[in-house]
Amino acid sequence: MRILSINRFALISLVLLSITGVSARAGEDQTRETMKGSIVYLEISSYGYDQIRPWKNTDVQEKSGVGCATGPYQVITPAWNLTDAKLIKAKVSGQNEYIPATIKTIDYEMDLALLELEPNAMKKPLKPIRFEDKFQRGAKLNYYWLNANGEITTGQGYMDRAEMVRSTVSYVYFLNLIVTNTSQETSMGQVYCDGSTPAGISCWSKNTTETGLIPAAIINSFLARAKDANYPGVPTVGFMTETLLDPTMRAYLKMPATMKNGVRITSVYNIGTGCDSLKAGDVILRIDGKEIDAYGKFQYPAYDRIMFHHLITSHKVGDDIVFDIWRDGAKQQLHVQAKNFDVGEMLVPYYEYDRQPEYVVTGGFVFQKLTRPFMTNWGKDWEGKVTPHLLHYFKDMAFKPTAQRREIVILSYVLPAQINLGYTDLAQIVVSKFNGMPISRLSDIVKAQKLNPSDKYDVVEFELDNPTVVIPRQQLPQADAMIATSYGIRKTVNVKQ
């Protein structure tokens, strides 16, 4: 009788497991079918500008991506795939013809973009997806995307953790969900679902080891901001911090031995949240009442401990943020306004997507403003290849523009010509003055060229011990024309006044 009882129990268990498996597969099949009307395949044609020869375009690149519907004719996708995009077209399930698409809103800091599809080119509207916060460590996630043939492809991975990760295309740290052991590499905007609930879209991948998802919280925040006709952007952190684990440093800051929390500010920028109220040496104890530990993390109910950056970027620009700090041996409370800035305000811009680099070519001398894209042109390990002086401006001063110094203007190199004999070895050096005028930004060179009209020479001075350049003005018109023809320069000056 006991054996019969055990067999019955085993049989019932097998039946229940079978029913559960069938139910799960049915749910996945239903979600897959639903996704057919919500996910689009994207083809993007893009080209930028040569950083070394900024008057020339780079070759056209053909890229592909995935978008998911947030409205009948709108899709969301990672911004990194749309850098320097010139033509975007979408394919939907059940329609062979491509549909023209345009960028409605793009935010490189959040790494998200909203595309508008041409309604008249579509047989039927898309079915919008609603993303919901859902995080369970170890949960199996299914992902979906539409391939170039208009077929839904699926795979799976497992939810591992939440982290603040630097945006693929920017300097800002944002909340990502980390998925491990995916079926294949995914980074183009594939939709990841927990059961039938969309939880995020993929934005980066380390083969199949790890994949980063932009979670529902960030997607929904972006969509809410995108409703504003003047897209406000997202607040950015205006300071740097370091861990505060050393008890000797805590004693030096006159912090009580019982106080174990707090992260130390090492540098305050001239732009961004906190730039006008925080000081180097301050210890951040709490932000909006959330305790910050010695590693700079706080307890987030859904995701465990994550970096404090999320407490700033989750605000709206203009919001009041409450900082509890330790300064001069005592606790203080500050009300800090949430601020952001345009990347062009940086002393050394982190990126220059969708725009032509500025430059001035005179007498074969190529003057440009220093940017991160310019330096990355040196390829892998570029930080060890550019001159230390330029690297210093990027590493230490990028977020510290002043009224006297808005850009770092460099002589990037010299196009050999008769007018510049003896100077052709000069490259990657910082301009300090042009015709005696201190150079704050590249457009100042155009102004300085008009100074001292009776002088026979343009005189360029540089930082450090670099030689002064003297350019004979009388020879310039003929020399510039010859150089422009020889090197294919249609326009020798491209600056914003």
Protein backbone atom coordinates (compact mmCIF):
# COMPACT_ATOMS: atom_id res chain seq x y z
CA MET A 1 0.00 0.00 0.00
CA ARG A 2 2.88 2.41 0.86
CA ILE A 3 4.50 1.78 -2.52
CA LEU A 4 1.22 2.48 -4.26
CA SER A 5 0.85 5.71 -2.26
CA ILE A 6 4.32 6.89 -3.21
CA ASN A 7 3.72 6.10 -6.86
CA ARG A 8 0.48 8.05 -6.80
CA PHE A 9 2.29 11.03 -5.24
CA ALA A 10 5.04 10.86 -7.86
CA LEU A 11 2.47 10.64 -10.63
CA ILE A 12 0.57 13.65 -9.31
CA SER A 13 3.84 15.64 -9.04
CA LEU A 14 4.78 14.80 -12.61
CA VAL A 15 1.34 15.83 -13.83
CA LEU A 16 1.56 19.14 -11.95
CA LEU A 17 5.06 19.84 -13.30
CA SER A 18 3.86 19.03 -16.80
CA ILE A 19 0.89 21.36 -16.45
CA THR A 20 3.17 24.12 -15.09
CA GLY A 21 5.61 23.67 -17.97
CA VAL A 22 2.84 23.72 -20.56
CA SER A 23 1.35 26.82 -18.91
CA ALA A 24 4.74 28.60 -18.92
CA ARG A 25 5.32 27.76 -22.59
CA ALA A 26 1.82 28.93 -23.44
CA GLY A 27 2.49 32.21 -21.66
CA GLU A 28 5.78 32.68 -23.52
CA ASP A 29 4.10 31.90 -26.84
CA GLN A 30 1.38 34.43 -26.08
CA THR A 31 3.96 37.10 -25.17
CA ARG A 32 5.89 36.33 -28.34
CA GLU A 33 2.73 36.75 -30.41
CA THR A 34 1.94 40.03 -28.67
CA MET A 35 5.45 41.33 -29.36
CA LYS A 36 4.96 40.91 -33.11
CA GLY A 37 2.83 44.02 -33.16
CA SER A 38 5.05 45.99 -30.80
CA ILE A 39 8.68 45.51 -31.87
CA VAL A 40 10.34 46.94 -34.97
CA TYR A 41 13.61 46.23 -36.74
CA LEU A 42 15.70 49.34 -37.43
CA GLU A 43 18.21 50.04 -40.16
CA ILE A 44 20.39 53.11 -39.61
CA SER A 45 22.73 54.78 -42.08
CA SER A 46 25.19 57.11 -40.36
CA TYR A 47 28.33 59.06 -41.00
CA GLY A 48 30.26 61.59 -38.97
CA TYR A 49 33.36 63.67 -39.53
CA ASP A 50 37.03 62.80 -39.52
CA GLN A 51 38.40 64.12 -36.23
CA ILE A 52 41.84 64.78 -37.73
CA ARG A 53 40.50 66.27 -40.98
CA PRO A 54 37.25 67.76 -39.67
CA TRP A 55 36.28 69.12 -43.08
CA LYS A 56 35.85 65.55 -44.36
CA ASN A 57 33.05 63.05 -43.75
CA THR A 58 33.75 59.53 -42.58
CA ASP A 59 32.49 56.56 -44.60
CA VAL A 60 28.81 55.66 -44.34
CA GLN A 61 28.09 52.96 -41.75
CA GLU A 62 25.11 50.65 -41.90
CA LYS A 63 23.82 49.61 -38.47
CA SER A 64 20.82 47.73 -37.21
CA GLY A 65 18.81 47.94 -34.02
CA VAL A 66 15.57 47.17 -32.26
CA GLY A 67 12.79 49.52 -31.23
CA CYS A 68 9.69 48.85 -29.17
CA ALA A 69 6.43 50.73 -29.35
CA THR A 70 5.55 53.36 -26.75
CA GLY A 71 2.77 54.76 -28.93
CA PRO A 72 0.95 53.86 -32.16
CA TYR A 73 3.71 55.45 -34.24
CA GLN A 74 6.52 55.92 -31.73
CA VAL A 75 9.30 53.55 -30.69
CA ILE A 76 12.04 53.75 -28.09
CA THR A 77 15.59 52.48 -28.65
CA PRO A 78 19.09 53.02 -27.17
CA ALA A 79 20.63 56.32 -28.24
CA TRP A 80 24.11 54.92 -28.87
CA ASN A 81 22.94 53.21 -32.06
CA LEU A 82 21.73 56.52 -33.50
CA THR A 83 24.89 58.58 -33.19
CA ASP A 84 25.45 60.62 -36.37
CA ALA A 85 22.39 58.98 -37.97
CA LYS A 86 21.40 60.41 -41.35
CA LEU A 87 18.75 57.91 -42.47
CA ILE A 88 16.56 55.67 -40.30
CA LYS A 89 14.00 53.19 -41.52
CA ALA A 90 11.94 50.59 -39.71
CA LYS A 91 10.44 47.22 -40.57
CA VAL A 92 7.38 45.83 -38.80
CA SER A 93 6.00 42.31 -38.71
CA GLY A 94 3.67 41.55 -41.63
CA GLN A 95 4.90 44.41 -43.84
CA ASN A 96 7.75 44.08 -46.33
CA GLU A 97 8.11 47.79 -47.09
CA TYR A 98 10.42 49.83 -44.89
CA ILE A 99 8.91 52.75 -42.96
CA PRO A 100 10.76 56.11 -42.71
CA ALA A 101 11.60 57.13 -39.14
CA THR A 102 12.89 60.34 -37.61
CA ILE A 103 14.36 61.19 -34.22
CA LYS A 104 11.83 63.01 -32.05
CA THR A 105 13.86 63.13 -28.81
CA ILE A 106 17.33 61.85 -28.04
CA ASP A 107 19.19 61.89 -24.72
CA TYR A 108 22.75 60.58 -24.80
CA GLU A 109 23.06 60.86 -21.02
CA MET A 110 20.12 58.47 -20.48
CA ASP A 111 21.14 56.53 -23.63
CA LEU A 112 17.57 56.62 -24.93
CA ALA A 113 15.92 57.93 -28.07
CA LEU A 114 12.30 58.27 -29.17
CA LEU A 115 11.62 57.73 -32.88
CA GLU A 116 8.58 58.81 -34.87
CA LEU A 117 7.47 56.44 -37.65
CA GLU A 118 5.69 57.77 -40.74
CA PRO A 119 2.00 56.88 -40.16
CA ASN A 120 1.08 56.99 -43.85
CA ALA A 121 3.65 54.31 -44.61
CA MET A 122 2.20 51.84 -42.11
CA LYS A 123 -0.59 49.33 -42.74
CA LYS A 124 -1.66 49.45 -39.09
CA PRO A 125 -0.50 51.18 -35.89
CA LEU A 126 1.81 49.54 -33.39
CA LYS A 127 0.69 48.11 -30.04
CA PRO A 128 2.36 50.15 -27.28
CA ILE A 129 4.37 48.33 -24.62
CA ARG A 130 4.07 49.33 -20.98
CA PHE A 131 7.26 48.82 -18.95
CA GLU A 132 6.92 47.97 -15.28
CA ASP A 133 9.44 47.85 -12.45
CA LYS A 134 10.05 44.21 -11.71
CA PHE A 135 13.28 42.94 -10.21
CA GLN A 136 13.84 39.50 -8.77
CA ARG A 137 17.39 38.26 -8.45
CA GLY A 138 17.82 34.97 -10.32
CA ALA A 139 14.57 35.31 -12.29
CA LYS A 140 14.56 33.93 -15.83
CA LEU A 141 13.96 36.63 -18.42
CA ASN A 142 12.91 36.12 -22.02
CA TYR A 143 13.97 38.65 -24.63
CA TYR A 144 12.36 39.44 -27.97
CA TRP A 145 13.42 41.23 -31.13
CA LEU A 146 12.45 41.45 -34.78
CA ASN A 147 15.08 40.39 -37.31
CA ALA A 148 15.66 41.76 -40.81
CA ASN A 149 13.20 39.23 -42.26
CA GLY A 150 10.40 40.47 -40.04
CA GLU A 151 10.50 37.39 -37.78
CA ILE A 152 10.37 37.46 -34.00
CA THR A 153 13.47 35.97 -32.38
CA THR A 154 13.65 34.99 -28.73
CA GLY A 155 16.22 34.05 -26.13
CA GLN A 156 16.68 34.06 -22.40
CA GLY A 157 18.96 35.18 -19.59
CA TYR A 158 18.90 35.48 -15.81
CA MET A 159 18.53 38.59 -13.67
CA ASP A 160 21.64 39.05 -11.58
CA ARG A 161 21.82 42.50 -9.99
CA ALA A 162 21.32 46.26 -10.35
CA GLU A 163 24.24 48.68 -10.77
CA MET A 164 24.97 52.29 -11.64
CA VAL A 165 26.79 52.04 -14.98
CA ARG A 166 28.30 54.79 -17.10
CA SER A 167 26.21 55.44 -20.19
CA THR A 168 27.63 53.79 -23.32
CA VAL A 169 27.82 57.16 -25.05
CA SER A 170 28.20 59.68 -22.22
CA TYR A 171 29.86 60.52 -18.90
CA VAL A 172 26.73 60.02 -16.72
CA TYR A 173 26.16 56.98 -14.50
CA PHE A 174 22.68 55.48 -14.76
CA LEU A 175 20.83 52.56 -13.25
CA ASN A 176 21.17 49.34 -15.25
CA LEU A 177 19.88 45.84 -14.57
CA ILE A 178 22.58 43.23 -15.20
CA VAL A 179 21.49 40.01 -16.92
CA THR A 180 23.84 37.01 -17.15
CA ASN A 181 24.08 33.85 -19.27
CA THR A 182 22.08 35.15 -22.21
CA SER A 183 21.41 32.92 -25.21
CA GLN A 184 23.32 35.32 -27.44
CA GLU A 185 24.90 38.78 -27.34
CA THR A 186 22.20 41.46 -27.12
CA SER A 187 22.76 45.22 -26.99
CA MET A 188 20.57 46.80 -29.66
CA GLY A 189 17.36 47.41 -27.72
CA GLN A 190 15.97 43.89 -27.41
CA VAL A 191 12.97 43.80 -25.06
CA TYR A 192 13.50 41.72 -21.91
CA CYS A 193 10.41 40.42 -20.11
CA ASP A 194 9.84 38.81 -16.74
CA GLY A 195 7.01 36.52 -17.71
CA SER A 196 4.74 38.74 -19.79
CA THR A 197 5.95 41.98 -18.11
CA PRO A 198 8.44 44.10 -20.09
CA ALA A 199 11.24 44.95 -17.64
CA GLY A 200 13.78 46.80 -19.81
CA ILE A 201 15.69 47.07 -23.08
CA SER A 202 19.28 45.98 -23.68
CA CYS A 203 21.92 48.67 -24.23
CA TRP A 204 25.32 46.94 -23.86
CA SER A 205 26.71 43.45 -23.77
CA LYS A 206 29.89 41.58 -22.84
CA ASN A 207 29.40 38.65 -25.18
CA THR A 208 26.93 36.35 -23.43
CA THR A 209 28.49 36.83 -20.00
CA GLU A 210 26.67 40.02 -19.05
CA THR A 211 24.08 42.28 -20.65
CA GLY A 212 22.99 45.68 -19.41
CA LEU A 213 19.31 46.64 -19.45
CA ILE A 214 17.87 50.12 -19.24
CA PRO A 215 15.16 49.40 -16.66
CA ALA A 216 11.50 50.42 -16.61
CA ALA A 217 12.15 53.20 -14.08
CA ILE A 218 14.57 54.97 -16.43
CA ILE A 219 12.47 54.34 -19.56
CA ASN A 220 9.31 55.72 -17.96
CA SER A 221 11.18 58.73 -16.61
CA PHE A 222 12.53 59.49 -20.10
CA LEU A 223 9.09 59.14 -21.70
CA ALA A 224 7.62 61.53 -19.13
CA ARG A 225 10.35 64.09 -19.84
CA ALA A 226 9.94 63.64 -23.62
CA LYS A 227 6.37 64.95 -23.42
CA ASP A 228 7.79 68.42 -22.78
CA ALA A 229 8.13 70.42 -25.99
CA ASN A 230 11.45 71.74 -24.68
CA TYR A 231 13.05 68.51 -23.51
CA PRO A 232 14.63 69.40 -20.14
CA GLY A 233 17.21 66.65 -19.94
CA VAL A 234 18.34 65.02 -16.71
CA PRO A 235 20.27 66.39 -13.70
CA THR A 236 23.96 65.52 -13.59
CA VAL A 237 26.38 65.17 -10.69
CA GLY A 238 28.65 68.22 -10.29
CA PHE A 239 31.38 66.70 -8.12
CA MET A 240 33.69 63.71 -7.61
CA THR A 241 33.87 61.49 -4.53
CA GLU A 242 36.09 58.85 -3.00
CA THR A 243 35.48 56.12 -0.44
CA LEU A 244 35.91 57.14 3.18
CA LEU A 245 37.13 53.94 4.86
CA ASP A 246 40.31 55.24 6.48
CA PRO A 247 39.73 55.94 10.19
CA THR A 248 42.69 58.34 10.19
CA MET A 249 41.03 60.47 7.50
CA ARG A 250 37.77 60.43 9.47
CA ALA A 251 39.65 61.58 12.57
CA TYR A 252 41.36 64.32 10.52
CA LEU A 253 37.90 65.50 9.40
CA LYS A 254 36.88 65.55 13.11
CA MET A 255 34.17 62.96 12.57
CA PRO A 256 33.02 61.02 15.65
CA ALA A 257 34.30 57.45 15.87
CA THR A 258 30.70 56.25 15.98
CA MET A 259 29.92 57.85 12.61
CA LYS A 260 30.60 55.20 9.98
CA ASN A 261 28.62 56.54 7.02
CA GLY A 262 29.52 59.22 4.49
CA VAL A 263 31.54 59.58 1.30
CA ARG A 264 34.13 62.34 0.80
CA ILE A 265 34.03 64.92 -2.00
CA THR A 266 37.45 65.27 -3.65
CA SER A 267 36.62 67.80 -6.35
CA VAL A 268 33.73 70.10 -7.22
CA TYR A 269 33.02 70.95 -10.86
CA ASN A 270 32.04 74.34 -12.25
CA ILE A 271 28.90 72.84 -13.81
CA GLY A 272 26.31 70.33 -12.63
CA THR A 273 24.36 69.65 -9.43
CA GLY A 274 26.14 70.93 -6.34
CA CYS A 275 28.74 72.99 -8.18
CA ASP A 276 27.70 76.19 -6.39
CA SER A 277 27.11 74.85 -2.88
CA LEU A 278 29.32 71.83 -2.14
CA LYS A 279 33.04 72.03 -1.38
CA ALA A 280 36.00 69.70 -1.73
CA GLY A 281 36.45 67.99 1.62
CA ASP A 282 32.73 67.85 2.42
CA VAL A 283 31.41 64.46 3.48
CA ILE A 284 27.99 63.53 2.10
CA LEU A 285 26.06 61.78 4.87
CA ARG A 286 22.55 61.69 3.36
CA ILE A 287 20.76 62.73 0.20
CA ASP A 288 17.01 63.29 0.52
CA GLY A 289 17.16 61.44 3.83
CA LYS A 290 18.83 58.34 2.33
CA GLU A 291 21.98 57.39 4.25
CA ILE A 292 25.13 57.21 2.10
CA ASP A 293 27.69 54.65 3.21
CA ALA A 294 31.48 54.93 3.05
CA TYR A 295 31.45 53.48 -0.49
CA GLY A 296 28.99 56.09 -1.77
CA LYS A 297 26.04 53.70 -1.87
CA PHE A 298 22.55 53.81 -0.39
CA GLN A 299 19.90 51.18 0.27
CA TYR A 300 17.39 51.01 -2.56
CA PRO A 301 14.42 48.83 -1.51
CA ALA A 302 14.08 47.07 -4.86
CA TYR A 303 17.72 46.76 -5.91
CA ASP A 304 19.76 46.52 -2.67
CA ARG A 305 22.73 48.94 -2.47
CA ILE A 306 23.50 51.20 -5.45
CA MET A 307 25.60 54.35 -5.96
CA PHE A 308 24.20 57.72 -4.82
CA HIS A 309 24.13 59.07 -8.40
CA HIS A 310 20.63 57.65 -8.82
CA LEU A 311 19.33 60.00 -6.10
CA ILE A 312 20.34 62.93 -8.30
CA THR A 313 19.57 61.69 -11.81
CA SER A 314 16.09 60.53 -10.77
CA HIS A 315 15.11 64.14 -9.98
CA LYS A 316 13.77 66.70 -12.42
CA VAL A 317 15.93 69.66 -13.41
CA GLY A 318 15.19 72.48 -10.97
CA ASP A 319 14.13 70.21 -8.09
CA ASP A 320 15.34 70.85 -4.56
CA ILE A 321 17.67 68.11 -3.27
CA VAL A 322 18.48 67.94 0.43
CA PHE A 323 22.11 67.13 1.28
CA ASP A 324 23.15 66.35 4.84
CA ILE A 325 26.90 66.88 4.98
CA TRP A 326 29.81 67.03 7.41
CA ARG A 327 31.80 70.24 7.00
CA ASP A 328 34.32 71.95 9.29
CA GLY A 329 33.73 69.47 12.10
CA ALA A 330 29.94 69.72 12.20
CA LYS A 331 26.80 68.53 10.48
CA GLN A 332 25.11 70.88 8.02
CA GLN A 333 22.07 70.62 5.76
CA LEU A 334 22.09 72.14 2.27
CA HIS A 335 19.29 72.59 -0.24
CA VAL A 336 20.85 71.99 -3.64
CA GLN A 337 19.18 72.69 -6.96
CA ALA A 338 19.18 69.82 -9.47
CA LYS A 339 21.12 71.06 -12.51
CA ASN A 340 22.25 69.77 -15.84
CA PHE A 341 24.37 71.18 -18.65
CA ASP A 342 24.91 70.80 -22.36
CA VAL A 343 27.97 68.74 -23.26
CA GLY A 344 29.22 71.76 -25.23
CA GLU A 345 29.65 73.62 -21.93
CA MET A 346 32.41 71.22 -20.86
CA LEU A 347 35.95 72.51 -21.12
CA VAL A 348 36.74 69.27 -22.95
CA PRO A 349 33.47 67.89 -24.41
CA TYR A 350 32.94 64.17 -23.88
CA TYR A 351 31.18 63.78 -27.23
CA GLU A 352 30.15 65.73 -30.33
CA TYR A 353 27.55 63.52 -31.96
CA ASP A 354 25.45 64.79 -34.84
CA ARG A 355 27.60 67.85 -35.45
CA GLN A 356 30.69 68.81 -37.43
CA PRO A 357 33.79 69.55 -35.33
CA GLU A 358 34.81 73.19 -35.29
CA TYR A 359 38.15 74.19 -36.81
CA VAL A 360 40.19 77.02 -38.30
CA VAL A 361 42.82 76.42 -40.98
CA THR A 362 45.15 79.35 -41.65
CA GLY A 363 48.52 79.10 -43.35
CA GLY A 364 48.25 75.30 -43.08
CA PHE A 365 48.00 75.47 -39.28
CA VAL A 366 44.99 73.41 -38.18
CA PHE A 367 43.40 74.78 -35.01
CA GLN A 368 40.70 72.76 -33.23
CA LYS A 369 39.09 72.58 -29.81
CA LEU A 370 40.14 69.66 -27.68
CA THR A 371 37.46 66.96 -27.32
CA ARG A 372 37.40 63.37 -26.18
CA PRO A 373 36.52 62.14 -29.73
CA PHE A 374 39.63 63.93 -31.04
CA MET A 375 41.84 62.07 -28.56
CA THR A 376 40.17 58.68 -29.10
CA ASN A 377 41.22 58.92 -32.74
CA TRP A 378 44.55 57.49 -31.53
CA GLY A 379 42.75 54.16 -31.11
CA LYS A 380 43.10 51.56 -28.40
CA ASP A 381 44.92 52.79 -25.29
CA TRP A 382 44.66 56.36 -26.58
CA GLU A 383 45.19 57.74 -23.09
CA GLY A 384 48.80 56.61 -23.29
CA LYS A 385 49.31 58.07 -26.77
CA VAL A 386 48.10 61.66 -26.50
CA THR A 387 50.42 64.18 -24.87
CA PRO A 388 50.24 64.30 -21.04
CA HIS A 389 49.33 67.99 -21.19
CA LEU A 390 46.18 67.30 -23.21
CA LEU A 391 45.31 64.29 -21.05
CA HIS A 392 45.56 66.52 -17.96
CA TYR A 393 42.91 68.86 -19.36
CA PHE A 394 40.59 65.93 -20.05
CA LYS A 395 41.17 64.01 -16.82
CA ASP A 396 41.33 66.91 -14.38
CA MET A 397 39.66 69.93 -15.99
CA ALA A 398 36.94 68.66 -18.37
CA PHE A 399 34.09 69.79 -16.07
CA LYS A 400 35.74 73.05 -14.99
CA PRO A 401 35.18 75.72 -17.63
CA THR A 402 35.65 79.32 -16.49
CA ALA A 403 34.75 82.73 -17.89
CA GLN A 404 38.38 83.03 -18.96
CA ARG A 405 38.62 79.52 -20.45
CA ARG A 406 35.59 78.05 -22.22
CA GLU A 407 37.48 75.64 -24.48
CA ILE A 408 40.98 74.22 -24.87
CA VAL A 409 42.16 75.36 -28.30
CA ILE A 410 44.98 73.35 -29.82
CA LEU A 411 47.17 73.38 -32.86
CA SER A 412 46.41 69.81 -33.83
CA TYR A 413 48.99 69.62 -36.64
CA VAL A 414 50.39 71.51 -39.65
CA LEU A 415 49.60 70.85 -43.33
CA PRO A 416 53.03 71.19 -45.02
CA ALA A 417 53.30 74.22 -47.32
CA GLN A 418 55.88 76.86 -48.23
CA ILE A 419 54.34 79.35 -45.79
CA ASN A 420 54.91 77.13 -42.73
CA LEU A 421 58.39 75.73 -43.35
CA GLY A 422 60.09 74.94 -40.05
CA TYR A 423 56.83 74.42 -38.16
CA THR A 424 55.57 71.14 -39.63
CA ASP A 425 56.64 69.09 -36.59
CA LEU A 426 54.35 71.01 -34.25
CA ALA A 427 51.26 69.07 -33.12
CA GLN A 428 48.92 68.59 -30.14
CA ILE A 429 49.93 71.82 -28.38
CA VAL A 430 47.65 74.26 -26.55
CA VAL A 431 47.22 77.82 -27.83
CA SER A 432 47.55 80.55 -25.19
CA LYS A 433 47.48 83.76 -27.29
CA PHE A 434 46.85 84.81 -30.88
CA ASN A 435 48.11 88.27 -31.85
CA GLY A 436 48.41 89.03 -28.13
CA MET A 437 44.78 88.11 -27.39
CA PRO A 438 44.24 85.37 -24.77
CA ILE A 439 42.30 82.52 -26.40
CA SER A 440 39.26 81.38 -24.43
CA ARG A 441 37.51 79.52 -27.25
CA LEU A 442 38.14 78.64 -30.89
CA SER A 443 36.05 81.52 -32.24
CA ASP A 444 38.51 83.91 -30.56
CA ILE A 445 41.05 83.05 -33.25
CA VAL A 446 38.77 84.53 -35.92
CA LYS A 447 38.47 87.70 -33.84
CA ALA A 448 42.20 87.83 -33.14
CA GLN A 449 43.03 87.61 -36.85
CA LYS A 450 41.41 91.04 -37.26
CA LEU A 451 43.56 92.67 -34.59
CA ASN A 452 46.50 94.93 -35.38
CA PRO A 453 45.62 95.32 -39.09
CA SER A 454 48.86 97.18 -39.83
CA ASP A 455 51.06 94.33 -38.55
CA LYS A 456 52.81 92.11 -41.09
CA TYR A 457 52.43 88.90 -39.11
CA ASP A 458 49.97 86.79 -37.18
CA VAL A 459 51.72 85.65 -34.00
CA VAL A 460 50.60 82.50 -32.17
CA GLU A 461 51.84 81.65 -28.66
CA PHE A 462 51.48 78.30 -26.93
CA GLU A 463 51.54 76.86 -23.43
CA LEU A 464 54.64 75.23 -21.94
CA ASP A 465 57.94 75.72 -23.77
CA ASN A 466 56.60 75.38 -27.30
CA PRO A 467 57.96 77.80 -29.92
CA THR A 468 56.00 80.86 -31.05
CA VAL A 469 54.58 80.67 -34.58
CA VAL A 470 54.84 83.65 -36.94
CA ILE A 471 52.63 83.65 -40.06
CA PRO A 472 53.25 86.26 -42.83
CA ARG A 473 49.89 87.90 -43.50
CA GLN A 474 50.71 89.08 -47.03
CA GLN A 475 51.22 85.49 -48.21
CA LEU A 476 48.08 84.11 -46.49
CA PRO A 477 45.41 84.59 -49.22
CA GLN A 478 47.43 82.79 -51.89
CA ALA A 479 48.73 80.15 -49.49
CA ASP A 480 45.27 79.40 -48.05
CA ALA A 481 43.81 78.99 -51.54
CA MET A 482 46.59 76.59 -52.55
CA ILE A 483 46.34 74.59 -49.31
CA ALA A 484 42.56 74.35 -49.58
CA THR A 485 42.86 72.98 -53.11
CA SER A 486 45.68 70.57 -52.27
CA TYR A 487 43.98 69.10 -49.19
CA GLY A 488 40.36 69.22 -50.32
CA ILE A 489 39.23 71.84 -47.80
CA ARG A 490 36.01 73.44 -49.04
CA LYS A 491 35.70 75.74 -46.03
CA THR A 492 38.76 76.84 -44.07
CA VAL A 493 36.78 78.21 -41.11
CA ASN A 494 34.00 76.36 -39.29
CA VAL A 495 33.25 77.97 -35.91
CA LYS A 496 30.19 79.11 -33.96
CA GLN A 497 30.34 82.84 -33.35
